[in-house]
Protein backbone atom coordinates (compact mmCIF):
# COMPACT_ATOMS: atom_id res chain seq x y z
CA MET A 1 -10.53 -5.56 32.29
CA THR A 2 -6.99 -4.69 31.20
CA LEU A 3 -6.41 -1.12 30.06
CA ASN A 4 -5.64 -2.05 26.45
CA ALA A 5 -9.05 -3.78 26.19
CA LEU A 6 -10.96 -0.55 26.86
CA THR A 7 -12.92 1.26 24.19
CA ILE A 8 -11.90 4.81 23.35
CA ALA A 9 -14.98 6.16 25.13
CA GLU A 10 -14.22 4.09 28.25
CA ALA A 11 -10.57 5.15 28.25
CA ARG A 12 -11.52 8.80 27.79
CA ALA A 13 -13.77 8.61 30.85
CA GLY A 14 -11.13 6.81 32.90
CA LEU A 15 -8.43 9.32 32.02
CA ARG A 16 -10.64 12.21 33.06
CA ARG A 17 -11.59 10.52 36.34
CA GLY A 18 -7.94 9.90 37.10
CA ASP A 19 -8.38 6.11 37.25
CA PHE A 20 -5.16 5.76 35.25
CA THR A 21 -2.80 7.92 33.21
CA ALA A 22 -2.12 8.10 29.50
CA ALA A 23 1.36 6.79 30.27
CA GLU A 24 -0.14 3.70 31.94
CA LEU A 25 -2.62 3.19 29.10
CA THR A 26 0.16 3.49 26.51
CA ALA A 27 2.40 1.11 28.45
CA ALA A 28 -0.40 -1.49 28.49
CA CYS A 29 -0.76 -1.25 24.70
CA LEU A 30 2.99 -1.43 24.11
CA GLU A 31 3.18 -4.49 26.36
CA ALA A 32 0.31 -6.16 24.49
CA THR A 33 1.99 -5.33 21.17
CA ALA A 34 5.32 -6.81 22.29
CA ALA A 35 3.54 -10.06 23.21
CA ALA A 36 1.64 -10.30 19.91
CA GLY A 37 4.41 -10.90 17.42
CA ALA A 38 2.52 -13.89 16.03
CA LEU A 39 -0.13 -11.53 14.65
CA ASN A 40 2.44 -9.47 12.70
CA ALA A 41 0.09 -6.49 13.01
CA PHE A 42 2.61 -3.81 13.98
CA VAL A 43 5.56 -3.51 11.62
CA HIS A 44 7.23 -0.48 13.22
CA VAL A 45 6.77 0.19 16.95
CA ALA A 46 7.44 3.79 18.00
CA GLY A 47 7.79 3.11 21.72
CA GLU A 48 9.94 6.09 22.66
CA ARG A 49 7.77 8.52 20.74
CA ALA A 50 4.60 6.95 22.18
CA ARG A 51 5.82 7.39 25.75
CA ALA A 52 6.75 11.02 25.07
CA MET A 53 3.33 11.71 23.51
CA ALA A 54 1.60 10.03 26.47
CA ALA A 55 3.51 12.21 28.93
CA ALA A 56 2.47 15.31 26.97
CA ALA A 57 -1.14 14.10 27.00
CA ASP A 58 -1.06 13.64 30.77
CA ALA A 59 0.20 17.20 31.19
CA ARG A 60 -2.55 18.45 28.90
CA LEU A 61 -5.23 16.54 30.81
CA ALA A 62 -3.91 17.89 34.13
CA ALA A 63 -4.04 21.44 32.80
CA GLY A 64 -7.79 21.38 32.14
CA PRO A 65 -10.29 20.42 29.42
CA ALA A 66 -8.73 18.38 26.61
CA PRO A 67 -9.99 16.88 23.32
CA SER A 68 -11.71 13.49 23.29
CA LEU A 69 -8.66 11.69 21.93
CA CYS A 70 -6.16 13.14 24.41
CA GLY A 71 -4.06 10.26 25.73
CA ILE A 72 -5.65 7.60 23.49
CA PRO A 73 -3.11 5.16 21.93
CA LEU A 74 -3.65 4.52 18.22
CA GLY A 75 -2.05 2.44 15.49
CA ILE A 76 -1.41 4.00 12.07
CA LYS A 77 -1.63 2.15 8.78
CA ASP A 78 1.73 2.08 7.02
CA LEU A 79 0.22 4.03 4.10
CA TYR A 80 0.23 7.25 6.18
CA CYS A 81 3.39 9.34 6.21
CA THR A 82 4.50 9.91 9.80
CA GLU A 83 7.40 12.27 10.47
CA GLY A 84 10.61 10.44 11.26
CA VAL A 85 8.90 7.02 11.47
CA PRO A 86 9.30 4.43 8.67
CA SER A 87 6.43 4.75 6.18
CA GLN A 88 6.82 2.38 3.25
CA ALA A 89 3.32 1.27 2.22
CA ALA A 90 4.40 -2.34 2.91
CA SER A 91 6.58 -2.22 -0.21
CA ARG A 92 10.27 -2.97 -0.72
CA ILE A 93 10.50 -0.04 -3.09
CA LEU A 94 10.07 2.39 -0.17
CA ALA A 95 12.33 0.56 2.27
CA GLY A 96 14.06 2.98 4.63
CA PHE A 97 11.78 5.93 3.84
CA ARG A 98 11.30 8.17 6.88
CA PRO A 99 9.14 11.14 5.88
CA PRO A 100 10.25 14.62 6.96
CA TYR A 101 6.56 15.58 7.28
CA GLU A 102 3.27 14.36 8.74
CA SER A 103 0.13 13.44 6.81
CA THR A 104 -2.78 15.81 7.44
CA VAL A 105 -4.93 13.13 9.11
CA THR A 106 -2.21 12.02 11.54
CA ARG A 107 -1.22 15.62 12.27
CA GLN A 108 -4.83 16.31 13.26
CA LEU A 109 -4.86 13.22 15.47
CA TRP A 110 -1.71 14.33 17.28
CA GLN A 111 -3.12 17.83 17.68
CA ALA A 112 -6.11 16.17 19.37
CA GLY A 113 -3.70 14.56 21.84
CA ALA A 114 -3.70 11.00 20.49
CA VAL A 115 -0.64 8.80 21.03
CA MET A 116 1.06 6.97 18.15
CA LEU A 117 2.09 3.42 19.04
CA GLY A 118 3.54 2.66 15.62
CA LYS A 119 2.81 1.60 12.05
CA LEU A 120 0.48 -1.22 11.05
CA ASN A 121 0.78 -3.95 8.43
CA MET A 122 -1.17 -3.76 5.17
CA ASP A 123 -1.24 -5.07 1.62
CA GLU A 124 1.48 -3.55 -0.54
CA PHE A 125 0.34 -0.11 -1.72
CA ALA A 126 -3.12 -1.13 -0.40
CA MET A 127 -3.53 -3.61 -3.27
CA GLY A 128 -5.09 -6.75 -1.84
CA SER A 129 -7.93 -8.22 0.18
CA SER A 130 -6.02 -10.53 2.53
CA ASN A 131 -2.87 -8.68 3.71
CA GLU A 132 -0.77 -11.30 1.94
CA THR A 133 0.94 -8.94 -0.52
CA SER A 134 2.87 -7.11 2.23
CA CYS A 135 6.66 -7.07 2.14
CA TYR A 136 6.51 -7.65 5.91
CA GLY A 137 4.61 -10.92 5.48
CA PRO A 138 0.91 -11.36 6.18
CA ALA A 139 -0.86 -10.04 9.24
CA VAL A 140 -2.81 -12.76 11.04
CA ASN A 141 -6.40 -12.61 12.20
CA PRO A 142 -6.69 -12.99 16.00
CA TRP A 143 -9.85 -15.07 15.40
CA ARG A 144 -9.66 -18.77 14.64
CA ARG A 145 -12.26 -21.32 13.59
CA GLN A 146 -13.56 -23.41 16.44
CA GLY A 147 -11.34 -26.46 16.83
CA ASP A 148 -8.96 -25.35 14.07
CA SER A 149 -5.56 -23.69 14.50
CA ALA A 150 -5.15 -22.71 10.82
CA PRO A 151 -4.22 -19.00 10.59
CA LEU A 152 -6.87 -16.81 8.97
CA THR A 153 -6.59 -13.61 7.01
CA PRO A 154 -7.62 -10.39 8.79
CA GLY A 155 -8.69 -9.05 5.41
CA GLY A 156 -7.08 -6.27 3.43
CA SER A 157 -5.69 -3.94 2.72
CA SER A 158 -6.03 -2.56 6.27
CA GLY A 159 -5.43 -6.01 7.76
CA GLY A 160 -2.87 -4.93 10.35
CA SER A 161 -5.20 -2.19 11.59
CA ALA A 162 -8.09 -4.65 11.94
CA ALA A 163 -5.98 -7.30 13.69
CA ALA A 164 -4.46 -4.78 16.11
CA VAL A 165 -7.82 -3.33 17.16
CA ALA A 166 -9.50 -6.74 17.46
CA ALA A 167 -6.61 -8.14 19.54
CA GLY A 168 -6.51 -5.12 21.87
CA LEU A 169 -3.07 -3.91 20.82
CA CYS A 170 -4.42 -0.39 20.35
CA LEU A 171 -7.70 1.33 21.12
CA GLY A 172 -8.27 2.43 17.53
CA ALA A 173 -6.51 2.66 14.20
CA THR A 174 -6.49 4.46 10.90
CA GLY A 175 -7.27 2.66 7.67
CA THR A 176 -7.79 3.59 4.06
CA ASP A 177 -10.56 2.35 1.79
CA THR A 178 -10.24 2.21 -2.00
CA GLY A 179 -12.63 -0.65 -2.71
CA GLY A 180 -13.49 -1.98 0.75
CA SER A 181 -10.13 -1.97 2.51
CA ILE A 182 -11.57 -0.68 5.79
CA ARG A 183 -14.94 -2.43 5.77
CA GLN A 184 -13.89 -5.94 4.68
CA PRO A 185 -11.15 -6.37 7.33
CA ALA A 186 -13.44 -4.85 9.95
CA ALA A 187 -16.07 -7.49 9.14
CA PHE A 188 -13.46 -10.28 9.19
CA THR A 189 -12.24 -9.32 12.68
CA GLY A 190 -15.44 -8.28 14.45
CA ILE A 191 -14.78 -4.54 14.70
CA VAL A 192 -16.29 -1.36 13.24
CA GLY A 193 -14.84 0.21 10.09
CA LEU A 194 -16.04 3.46 8.54
CA LYS A 195 -15.34 4.67 5.01
CA PRO A 196 -16.35 8.38 4.93
CA THR A 197 -17.65 10.32 1.94
CA TYR A 198 -14.89 10.93 -0.61
CA GLY A 199 -13.37 14.27 0.37
CA ARG A 200 -14.40 14.18 4.04
CA CYS A 201 -10.80 13.40 5.12
CA SER A 202 -7.66 14.77 3.51
CA ARG A 203 -5.54 12.43 1.39
CA TRP A 204 -2.43 14.59 1.73
CA GLY A 205 0.51 12.58 3.03
CA ILE A 206 -1.20 9.24 2.36
CA VAL A 207 0.60 7.18 -0.27
CA ALA A 208 -1.73 7.08 -3.27
CA PHE A 209 -3.23 3.94 -4.81
CA ALA A 210 -6.20 5.22 -6.86
CA SER A 211 -6.67 8.92 -6.26
CA SER A 212 -10.36 9.18 -7.17
CA LEU A 213 -11.26 6.26 -4.89
CA ASP A 214 -8.92 6.39 -1.85
CA GLN A 215 -10.37 7.65 1.41
CA ALA A 216 -9.03 7.64 4.96
CA GLY A 217 -11.23 6.37 7.77
CA PRO A 218 -11.32 5.05 11.33
CA MET A 219 -11.30 1.49 12.62
CA ALA A 220 -12.42 0.88 16.19
CA ARG A 221 -14.25 -1.50 18.52
CA THR A 222 -17.53 0.42 18.61
CA VAL A 223 -19.54 2.85 16.52
CA ARG A 224 -19.10 5.52 19.20
CA ASP A 225 -15.32 5.13 19.02
CA ALA A 226 -15.46 5.45 15.22
CA ALA A 227 -17.45 8.68 15.61
CA ILE A 228 -14.87 10.07 18.05
CA LEU A 229 -12.00 9.21 15.70
CA LEU A 230 -13.71 10.59 12.60
CA ALA A 231 -14.28 13.96 14.27
CA ALA A 232 -10.51 14.38 14.64
CA MET A 233 -9.60 12.94 11.23
CA ALA A 234 -12.07 14.90 9.09
CA GLY A 235 -11.99 18.42 7.74
CA PRO A 236 -10.89 20.53 4.77
CA ASP A 237 -7.22 20.76 3.87
CA PRO A 238 -5.60 23.37 1.61
CA PHE A 239 -2.99 20.76 0.64
CA ASP A 240 -5.66 18.46 -0.85
CA SER A 241 -7.84 19.92 -3.60
CA THR A 242 -10.24 16.96 -3.31
CA SER A 243 -11.00 17.56 0.38
CA ALA A 244 -14.34 19.29 0.85
CA ASP A 245 -14.70 22.61 2.61
CA ILE A 246 -17.66 21.37 4.63
CA PRO A 247 -18.06 21.81 8.40
CA VAL A 248 -17.35 18.74 10.51
CA PRO A 249 -20.35 18.02 12.76
CA ASP A 250 -20.22 16.49 16.23
CA PHE A 251 -20.54 12.89 15.12
CA GLU A 252 -20.73 11.52 18.65
CA ALA A 253 -23.60 13.85 19.57
CA ALA A 254 -25.53 12.44 16.60
CA LEU A 255 -25.75 9.01 18.28
CA THR A 256 -29.26 9.54 19.61
CA GLY A 257 -30.42 5.97 19.08
CA ASP A 258 -33.59 7.25 17.42
CA ILE A 259 -34.15 6.16 13.81
CA ARG A 260 -37.95 6.16 13.87
CA GLY A 261 -39.30 7.16 10.47
CA SER A 262 -36.09 6.28 8.62
CA ARG A 263 -36.36 4.34 5.37
CA ILE A 264 -33.83 1.55 4.89
CA GLY A 265 -33.26 0.13 1.43
CA ILE A 266 -32.46 -3.53 0.72
CA PRO A 267 -30.96 -3.76 -2.80
CA ARG A 268 -32.15 -6.87 -4.60
CA GLU A 269 -29.00 -6.94 -6.76
CA TYR A 270 -26.87 -7.76 -3.69
CA ARG A 271 -28.47 -11.20 -3.37
CA MET A 272 -25.63 -13.11 -4.99
CA PRO A 273 -25.77 -16.75 -6.15
CA GLY A 274 -23.99 -19.00 -3.68
CA MET A 275 -24.15 -16.54 -0.79
CA PRO A 276 -23.57 -18.48 2.47
CA ALA A 277 -26.75 -19.15 4.42
CA ALA A 278 -25.26 -17.53 7.53
CA ILE A 279 -24.78 -14.22 5.71
CA GLU A 280 -28.24 -14.36 4.12
CA ARG A 281 -29.73 -15.03 7.56
CA LEU A 282 -27.72 -12.24 9.21
CA TRP A 283 -28.84 -9.78 6.54
CA ALA A 284 -32.49 -10.64 7.23
CA GLU A 285 -31.91 -10.34 10.98
CA GLY A 286 -30.27 -6.93 10.51
CA ALA A 287 -33.27 -5.69 8.56
CA ALA A 288 -35.57 -6.97 11.33
CA MET A 289 -33.49 -5.15 13.96
CA LEU A 290 -33.81 -1.84 12.14
CA ARG A 291 -37.51 -2.43 11.59
CA ALA A 292 -37.96 -3.10 15.32
CA ALA A 293 -36.21 0.22 16.04
CA GLY A 294 -38.88 2.08 14.07
CA ALA A 295 -37.42 2.18 10.58
CA THR A 296 -39.29 1.19 7.44
CA VAL A 297 -37.45 -1.44 5.37
CA VAL A 298 -38.12 -1.40 1.63
CA ASP A 299 -36.77 -3.26 -1.38
CA ILE A 300 -34.80 -1.10 -3.80
CA SER A 301 -32.98 -1.60 -7.08
CA LEU A 302 -29.40 -0.60 -7.95
CA PRO A 303 -29.47 -1.97 -11.48
CA HIS A 304 -25.85 -1.35 -12.47
CA THR A 305 -24.36 -3.16 -9.46
CA ARG A 306 -23.31 -6.15 -11.59
CA PHE A 307 -20.94 -3.91 -13.56
CA ALA A 308 -19.23 -2.47 -10.47
CA LEU A 309 -16.41 -4.99 -10.04
CA PRO A 310 -15.33 -4.92 -13.72
CA ALA A 311 -15.45 -1.10 -13.73
CA TYR A 312 -13.50 -0.89 -10.47
CA TYR A 313 -10.79 -3.25 -11.68
CA VAL A 314 -10.28 -1.05 -14.73
CA ILE A 315 -10.34 2.34 -13.00
CA ALA A 316 -8.30 1.44 -9.90
CA PRO A 317 -5.38 -0.21 -11.76
CA ALA A 318 -5.37 2.63 -14.30
CA GLU A 319 -4.95 5.21 -11.55
CA ALA A 320 -2.41 2.97 -9.79
CA SER A 321 -0.26 2.68 -12.89
CA SER A 322 -0.13 6.47 -13.06
CA ASN A 323 0.50 7.02 -9.33
CA LEU A 324 3.20 4.38 -9.07
CA ALA A 325 5.13 5.61 -12.10
CA ARG A 326 7.12 7.90 -9.78
CA TYR A 327 8.77 4.91 -8.07
CA ASP A 328 11.48 4.39 -10.63
CA GLY A 329 14.77 4.50 -8.73
CA VAL A 330 15.40 8.10 -9.84
CA ARG A 331 12.66 10.23 -8.32
CA TYR A 332 11.58 8.00 -5.44
CA GLY A 333 12.35 4.71 -3.82
CA HIS A 334 14.73 1.81 -4.11
CA ARG A 335 17.25 1.69 -6.96
CA ALA A 336 18.51 -1.68 -8.20
CA ARG A 337 22.21 -2.44 -8.42
CA LEU A 338 23.18 -2.32 -12.07
CA GLY A 339 25.58 -4.48 -14.03
CA ALA A 340 28.23 -3.41 -16.47
CA GLY A 341 26.61 -2.04 -19.60
CA ASP A 342 23.20 -1.51 -18.03
CA GLY A 343 21.48 1.70 -19.10
CA ILE A 344 18.49 3.66 -17.86
CA VAL A 345 15.96 1.21 -19.31
CA GLU A 346 17.60 -1.70 -17.45
CA MET A 347 17.67 0.40 -14.28
CA TYR A 348 13.94 1.05 -14.48
CA GLU A 349 13.17 -2.59 -15.24
CA LYS A 350 15.34 -4.04 -12.47
CA THR A 351 14.28 -1.43 -9.91
CA ARG A 352 10.56 -1.96 -10.38
CA ALA A 353 10.90 -5.75 -10.63
CA GLU A 354 12.81 -5.83 -7.33
CA GLY A 355 10.74 -3.18 -5.57
CA PHE A 356 7.19 -4.19 -6.47
CA GLY A 357 5.54 -7.46 -5.49
CA PRO A 358 3.54 -9.66 -7.91
CA GLU A 359 0.11 -8.13 -7.18
CA VAL A 360 1.34 -4.56 -7.63
CA ARG A 361 3.10 -5.51 -10.86
CA ARG A 362 -0.10 -7.21 -12.08
CA ARG A 363 -2.21 -4.13 -11.42
CA VAL A 364 0.32 -1.71 -12.89
CA MET A 365 0.47 -3.75 -16.08
CA LEU A 366 -3.31 -4.01 -16.26
CA GLY A 367 -3.66 -0.27 -15.67
CA THR A 368 -1.08 0.59 -18.29
CA TYR A 369 -2.86 -1.67 -20.77
CA VAL A 370 -6.32 -0.09 -20.28
CA LEU A 371 -4.81 3.40 -20.61
CA SER A 372 -2.90 2.61 -23.80
CA ALA A 373 -3.88 4.37 -26.99
CA GLY A 374 -5.58 1.37 -28.59
CA PHE A 375 -7.69 0.41 -25.58
CA TYR A 376 -8.42 3.65 -23.70
CA ASP A 377 -11.93 4.07 -25.11
CA ALA A 378 -12.77 0.37 -25.03
CA TYR A 379 -11.88 -0.06 -21.35
CA TYR A 380 -11.08 3.04 -19.30
CA ASN A 381 -13.60 5.42 -20.86
CA ARG A 382 -16.30 2.77 -20.76
CA ALA A 383 -15.56 2.05 -17.09
CA ARG A 384 -15.87 5.77 -16.30
CA LYS A 385 -19.31 5.81 -17.94
CA VAL A 386 -20.38 2.78 -15.89
CA ARG A 387 -19.16 4.58 -12.77
CA THR A 388 -21.49 7.47 -13.59
CA LEU A 389 -24.41 5.06 -13.94
CA ILE A 390 -23.62 3.44 -10.59
CA ARG A 391 -23.51 6.85 -8.91
CA ARG A 392 -26.83 7.72 -10.56
CA ASP A 393 -28.40 4.52 -9.18
CA PHE A 394 -27.63 5.67 -5.64
CA GLU A 395 -28.78 9.23 -6.32
CA THR A 396 -32.10 7.88 -7.56
CA VAL A 397 -32.84 5.79 -4.47
CA PHE A 398 -31.75 8.54 -2.08
CA ALA A 399 -33.91 11.05 -3.94
CA ALA A 400 -36.83 8.65 -3.44
CA GLY A 401 -36.49 9.03 0.33
CA ILE A 402 -34.10 6.23 1.31
CA ASP A 403 -31.98 7.25 4.32
CA ALA A 404 -29.58 4.30 4.38
CA ILE A 405 -28.97 1.03 2.55
CA LEU A 406 -28.34 -2.27 4.34
CA THR A 407 -26.19 -4.98 2.74
CA PRO A 408 -23.77 -7.72 3.82
CA ALA A 409 -20.23 -6.44 4.32
CA THR A 410 -18.48 -9.46 2.78
CA PRO A 411 -19.46 -12.57 0.80
CA SER A 412 -17.89 -14.87 3.44
CA ALA A 413 -16.22 -14.98 6.83
CA ALA A 414 -12.41 -14.80 7.08
CA PHE A 415 -10.66 -17.47 5.00
CA PRO A 416 -7.34 -19.21 5.70
CA LEU A 417 -4.09 -17.51 4.75
CA GLY A 418 -2.81 -19.02 1.52
CA ALA A 419 -6.24 -20.35 0.53
CA MET A 420 -6.31 -18.26 -2.63
CA GLU A 421 -2.58 -18.20 -3.31
CA LYS A 422 -2.82 -20.37 -6.44
CA ALA A 423 -6.32 -19.37 -7.42
CA ASP A 424 -7.29 -17.06 -10.24
CA PRO A 425 -6.68 -13.49 -8.95
CA VAL A 426 -10.30 -12.74 -9.83
CA GLU A 427 -11.36 -15.07 -6.99
CA MET A 428 -9.65 -12.72 -4.54
CA TYR A 429 -11.12 -9.65 -6.24
CA LEU A 430 -14.63 -11.04 -5.64
CA ASN A 431 -14.18 -10.29 -1.93
CA ASP A 432 -14.94 -6.67 -2.82
CA VAL A 433 -18.30 -7.44 -4.42
CA PHE A 434 -20.38 -5.63 -1.76
CA THR A 435 -18.02 -2.73 -1.17
CA VAL A 436 -16.65 -1.32 -4.45
CA THR A 437 -19.91 0.37 -5.47
CA VAL A 438 -19.56 2.73 -2.50
CA ASN A 439 -16.11 3.89 -3.60
CA LEU A 440 -17.18 4.32 -7.21
CA ALA A 441 -20.05 6.53 -6.03
CA GLY A 442 -17.99 8.36 -3.38
CA LEU A 443 -20.46 7.52 -0.59
CA PRO A 444 -19.98 6.90 3.14
CA ALA A 445 -20.43 3.35 4.44
CA ILE A 446 -19.78 1.48 7.66
CA ALA A 447 -19.24 -2.18 8.58
CA VAL A 448 -20.74 -3.25 11.90
CA PRO A 449 -20.13 -6.65 13.55
CA ALA A 450 -23.49 -8.37 13.87
CA GLY A 451 -23.00 -12.07 14.52
CA LEU A 452 -20.93 -15.25 14.25
CA ASP A 453 -21.03 -17.98 11.63
CA GLY A 454 -21.18 -21.71 12.38
CA ASP A 455 -17.40 -21.80 12.88
CA GLY A 456 -17.49 -19.03 15.46
CA LEU A 457 -16.08 -16.36 13.11
CA PRO A 458 -17.43 -12.80 13.03
CA LEU A 459 -19.72 -11.57 10.27
CA GLY A 460 -20.52 -7.94 9.52
CA LEU A 461 -23.32 -5.93 7.98
CA GLN A 462 -22.78 -2.80 5.90
CA LEU A 463 -24.81 0.40 6.01
CA ILE A 464 -24.43 2.86 3.12
CA GLY A 465 -25.39 6.49 3.71
CA GLN A 466 -26.11 9.62 1.75
CA PRO A 467 -23.12 11.81 0.84
CA TRP A 468 -21.86 13.97 3.74
CA GLN A 469 -24.39 12.35 6.08
CA GLU A 470 -21.92 10.40 8.22
CA ALA A 471 -23.69 11.63 11.35
CA ALA A 472 -26.98 10.00 10.32
CA LEU A 473 -25.14 6.90 9.08
CA LEU A 474 -23.34 6.52 12.42
CA ASN A 475 -26.64 6.86 14.28
CA HIS A 476 -28.18 4.05 12.21
CA ALA A 477 -25.05 1.96 12.78
CA ASP A 478 -25.22 2.62 16.53
CA VAL A 479 -28.80 1.34 16.59
CA LEU A 480 -27.80 -1.76 14.61
CA GLU A 481 -24.82 -2.36 16.90
CA SER A 482 -26.98 -2.09 20.03
CA ALA A 483 -29.63 -4.42 18.63
CA ALA A 484 -27.09 -7.02 17.47
CA GLY A 485 -25.37 -6.97 20.85
CA PHE A 486 -22.09 -8.26 19.43
CA VAL A 487 -19.65 -8.50 22.35
CA SER A 488 -17.57 -11.51 21.27
CA ARG A 489 -13.79 -11.21 21.29
CA PRO A 490 -11.20 -13.63 19.94
CA ALA A 491 -9.82 -16.16 22.42
CA LYS A 492 -6.16 -15.33 23.00
CA TRP A 493 -3.81 -17.86 21.40
CA TRP A 494 -0.91 -15.61 20.37
């Protein structure tokens, strides 16, 4: 096995045994990245910085005990500000931006000894489900349908992170999840993606999309790797008033493999018309796996689920329109070249038209509309009330003794790039049907690869946990992962 194909846990053990060095591990990842241009996963490679960080990690490992991530090469979603490295949220409006500071999450990763390989592709400002809204062009899924060379989406918005981890370009990556942007791409690429409880990880230094929904999280090849990453990423932050001052447990130690006595809920509202038979079958198999491990599987009801997508696509654009108002050519970002006689209004109009792509413009306009004086109560206030009802649905089932909820992660396997280009935008938004409820309720959830469809593409299952119970959620996911035995990797074509 090549070094870049190792899991984080395997690499950690090898580094401590002296089988290889962090410098050698980093070089293997940089070499794999250089050969994977067809995937368009990395958009900024920080080779010199990565080699320097690897050398520092080797010195730290030689000096004695070191953190779990010491010497582990990671990719960072372009939404995270990284000091001195381009960080532009895949948008033209932030072209050339090199932050003079580090986001809290990445700072904590570097303090733990991790190595930054570079920045990863994503949908512009995290708005998208296919990584096709990026100013860098789309990232490409390393998986392909059997007998078909058509390029597939890796999902979005953390599509570059998913593609890089699945293709072995890095051992793990950071993502962000506003409505499923970690879990959906993880399911599309056959990796693990964890969205923590809102407030578990700091949002400081992460370019904002929808502030009450955004949450940082890890993307990795295994549940154990996700647990290792989360331990370094999580924790309170005085710079972020929404981060919770709650102790960070040892998530890896929680992976006992024992879920006997747990109660797993199967929400009847998630059985959607037209759901592919492969996903319906996988969902039933996942429930059987958990039952065989000693859990009790029960039917539950989350009655307001059908209102989640409409509520999300009111709340998220409303918050986006507010957050993105700062990118006006004066305070932040690109400024358009003006013609003779152009005033400040023309500058704003030209700057934002040039800097923002079509999907971002669509959501900003939608958000501005629902926040306007004549429609605030009819749309935004009503959506906030629905959000409360959705949160209450989850509180009710957890209060009744449910430990975790099992659902599909996505309504389909990965689809071809460009397949929805001319479709109604709502068709793309429907990809979030199983994931947005979690963000609206602020809960932790994880996508675990569990099988392949008839075309040989990965499918994932989602487990939703109680707030602040990521340790228990990871343990359930570890059991599901072990039972599913998913070890498939994409055949290399790039």
